[in-house]
Structures are given as C-alpha cells and as structure tokens.
Amino acid sequence: MPRPDPNPLPYGALQYYQVHYIIQIESEQNHNLLAKCEPITKGYFGNKRVVDVKWTGADKFSEVLQADGKLTDMLKEVMLQVGEIRIDPQDDHIRIYGKWGHEENFHFNETMLEIADRIAMHIKNKLKPTAKS
C-alpha cells in the first residue's frame, strides 16, 4: 500500500490577492503611461518610515506624478502597507495596482482608492486631446 505524501503540493486557489484599479480608456499613447512608484524609507523594522517616494517610468509621465505634492503626501501614508504601486498600460485600459497580499491582511484601503483616483486624473489629463472615448 502506498504511503501518502507528508508534504502534499497545494492545489487550487492560493490565499493571496491583489487589488487592481482599472481605467477604461483607449489611446495610441497608452504605452507612454508605464510607471512605478517605490518608497524611500528610513529606519528599520518598527522604526521604519517613508520619507519620500520615487516615480520611475516612460516618457514624462513619471515626472508629472513626482511633481504632485498632494499625491506624494498620500503615498507616504500607505507605502509601507502597499509596498509599491505600478501603472500598467494595456491597449484599451490602464491598470493601477500594488503588491500581492495574504487574505489575513487583505482589506479595502480608502486612501489607496483616493491615490488611484488622483493618478487616473493625471492619466486623463495627459490623454485628453487624443482619447477616443
């Protein structure tokens, strides 16, 4: 009789989730909106705090996001929990998302929704003259 494996492989869905904010917009310039935000921190472990954020990405879009002081202040509040924020353009939509989180720590973050809304405002302002929708 075969013995059961003491460490079976996990099958099915894992307990990790990622929240995506999606902006439905079609433009020939969607590919210019690729960006990533990373925190600049000081301290270690319990004393760790975010002192600034750094946007990197394509075109001048990351410079526009870096220049927005209110966005930077909002990001400083949530970057320790979110880890990083990415803006990922597709052909017909643009995704804004953070890192994966375990289901025990998964909750709706109202500040992150406001951040995504502010980023969406910058995206629509950049694409306003060329948007099809």
Foldseek 3Di string as FASTA:
>chain_A
DDDDDPDDDDDDDAQKDKDKDKFFWAFPCLQQQWKKKAFDWDDDDPPIFGPWIAMDGGDCLSVVCRPDPVLGVLCRVCCVPQGMWTWAGDRGMIIIIGDMDGNVPDDDDVSVVVSVVVSVVSVCVVCVVGIPD
